[in-house]
Amino acid sequence: MIRITHFRNKCIGCNYCVELSPYRWFINQNDGKINLKGAKEKKGIYILLTSDDEYEINKEAADVCPVNIIRIERF
């Protein structure tokens, strides 16, 4: 199991994560920032628990994020 944490309020909408993993990330047409599909929000931080098979692609998305607002953790 992995946890994806997205600090959306700091997102600049660069779209790199969407390009790498469009089944998990999408652009919000209202504000141009990225949303994490299926995540639950708490105080502006979005968290999603998902299976290990999504680790590599989302780790890559976290690595290319220019503002470092995506965290991927295995547990």
C-alpha atoms as a PDB file:
ATOM      1  CA  MET A   1       0.000   0.000   0.000  1.00  0.00           C
ATOM      2  CA  ILE A   2       1.175   3.543  -0.724  1.00  0.00           C
ATOM      3  CA  ARG A   3       0.069   6.971   0.440  1.00  0.00           C
ATOM      4  CA  ILE A   4       0.094   9.868  -1.995  1.00  0.00           C
ATOM      5  CA  THR A   5       0.043  13.297  -0.362  1.00  0.00           C
ATOM      6  CA  HIS A   6      -0.601  16.388  -2.461  1.00  0.00           C
ATOM      7  CA  PHE A   7      -0.147  19.922  -1.099  1.00  0.00           C
ATOM      8  CA  ARG A   8      -2.531  21.412  -3.653  1.00  0.00           C
ATOM      9  CA  ASN A   9      -2.479  25.013  -2.383  1.00  0.00           C
ATOM     10  CA  LYS A  10       1.150  25.305  -3.581  1.00  0.00           C
ATOM     11  CA  CYS A  11       0.425  23.793  -7.029  1.00  0.00           C
ATOM     12  CA  ILE A  12       1.454  25.886 -10.043  1.00  0.00           C
ATOM     13  CA  GLY A  13      -0.456  23.739 -12.570  1.00  0.00           C
ATOM     14  CA  CYS A  14       2.588  22.691 -14.597  1.00  0.00           C
ATOM     15  CA  ASN A  15       0.769  19.490 -15.671  1.00  0.00           C
ATOM     16  CA  TYR A  16       3.790  17.131 -15.423  1.00  0.00           C
ATOM     17  CA  CYS A  17       1.990  14.747 -13.063  1.00  0.00           C
ATOM     18  CA  VAL A  18      -1.033  14.624 -15.398  1.00  0.00           C
ATOM     19  CA  GLU A  19       1.171  13.761 -18.358  1.00  0.00           C
ATOM     20  CA  LEU A  20       2.829  10.911 -16.442  1.00  0.00           C
ATOM     21  CA  SER A  21      -0.254   9.520 -14.717  1.00  0.00           C
ATOM     22  CA  PRO A  22      -3.516  10.799 -16.243  1.00  0.00           C
ATOM     23  CA  TYR A  23      -5.564   8.090 -14.510  1.00  0.00           C
ATOM     24  CA  ARG A  24      -4.573   9.561 -11.119  1.00  0.00           C
ATOM     25  CA  TRP A  25      -4.137  13.317 -11.773  1.00  0.00           C
ATOM     26  CA  PHE A  26      -6.209  15.903 -13.668  1.00  0.00           C
ATOM     27  CA  ILE A  27      -6.317  19.657 -14.214  1.00  0.00           C
ATOM     28  CA  ASN A  28      -9.080  21.562 -12.468  1.00  0.00           C
ATOM     29  CA  GLN A  29     -10.610  23.823 -15.112  1.00  0.00           C
ATOM     30  CA  ASN A  30     -11.739  26.355 -12.499  1.00  0.00           C
ATOM     31  CA  ASP A  31      -8.334  27.329 -11.125  1.00  0.00           C
ATOM     32  CA  GLY A  32      -5.754  25.560 -13.332  1.00  0.00           C
ATOM     33  CA  LYS A  33      -4.307  23.568 -10.439  1.00  0.00           C
ATOM     34  CA  ILE A  34      -3.967  19.796 -10.384  1.00  0.00           C
ATOM     35  CA  ASN A  35      -6.329  17.478  -8.503  1.00  0.00           C
ATOM     36  CA  LEU A  36      -5.540  14.000  -7.189  1.00  0.00           C
ATOM     37  CA  LYS A  37      -8.370  11.654  -8.209  1.00  0.00           C
ATOM     38  CA  GLY A  38      -9.974   9.851  -5.284  1.00  0.00           C
ATOM     39  CA  ALA A  39      -8.111  11.819  -2.606  1.00  0.00           C
ATOM     40  CA  LYS A  40      -9.631  13.057   0.627  1.00  0.00           C
ATOM     41  CA  GLU A  41      -8.955  16.636   1.662  1.00  0.00           C
ATOM     42  CA  LYS A  42      -7.990  17.753   5.149  1.00  0.00           C
ATOM     43  CA  LYS A  43      -6.908  21.346   5.761  1.00  0.00           C
ATOM     44  CA  GLY A  44      -5.845  21.848   2.141  1.00  0.00           C
ATOM     45  CA  ILE A  45      -3.805  18.645   1.968  1.00  0.00           C
ATOM     46  CA  TYR A  46      -5.070  15.796  -0.220  1.00  0.00           C
ATOM     47  CA  ILE A  47      -4.293  12.205   0.729  1.00  0.00           C
ATOM     48  CA  LEU A  48      -4.952   8.978  -1.140  1.00  0.00           C
ATOM     49  CA  LEU A  49      -4.182   5.406  -0.116  1.00  0.00           C
ATOM     50  CA  THR A  50      -3.756   3.094  -3.085  1.00  0.00           C
ATOM     51  CA  SER A  51      -2.047  -0.106  -4.196  1.00  0.00           C
ATOM     52  CA  ASP A  52       1.688  -0.636  -4.644  1.00  0.00           C
ATOM     53  CA  ASP A  53       1.341  -0.980  -8.412  1.00  0.00           C
ATOM     54  CA  GLU A  54       0.942   2.818  -8.645  1.00  0.00           C
ATOM     55  CA  TYR A  55       4.173   3.528  -6.768  1.00  0.00           C
ATOM     56  CA  GLU A  56       6.638   3.881  -9.654  1.00  0.00           C
ATOM     57  CA  ILE A  57       4.604   6.183 -11.900  1.00  0.00           C
ATOM     58  CA  ASN A  58       3.518   8.430  -9.036  1.00  0.00           C
ATOM     59  CA  LYS A  59       7.057   8.512  -7.617  1.00  0.00           C
ATOM     60  CA  GLU A  60       8.179   9.722 -11.013  1.00  0.00           C
ATOM     61  CA  ALA A  61       5.438  12.395 -10.942  1.00  0.00           C
ATOM     62  CA  ALA A  62       6.673  13.493  -7.505  1.00  0.00           C
ATOM     63  CA  ASP A  63      10.270  13.615  -8.736  1.00  0.00           C
ATOM     64  CA  VAL A  64       9.479  15.897 -11.704  1.00  0.00           C
ATOM     65  CA  CYS A  65       7.216  18.263  -9.751  1.00  0.00           C
ATOM     66  CA  PRO A  66       9.038  21.621  -9.886  1.00  0.00           C
ATOM     67  CA  VAL A  67       7.573  22.801  -6.552  1.00  0.00           C
ATOM     68  CA  ASN A  68       7.941  19.445  -4.703  1.00  0.00           C
ATOM     69  CA  ILE A  69       4.355  19.228  -3.454  1.00  0.00           C
ATOM     70  CA  ILE A  70       3.778  15.496  -4.041  1.00  0.00           C
ATOM     71  CA  ARG A  71       4.887  12.914  -1.467  1.00  0.00           C
ATOM     72  CA  ILE A  72       4.811   9.157  -2.066  1.00  0.00           C
ATOM     73  CA  GLU A  73       5.257   6.758   0.857  1.00  0.00           C
ATOM     74  CA  ARG A  74       5.139   2.971   1.100  1.00  0.00           C
ATOM     75  CA  PHE A  75       3.839   1.367   4.269  1.00  0.00           C
END
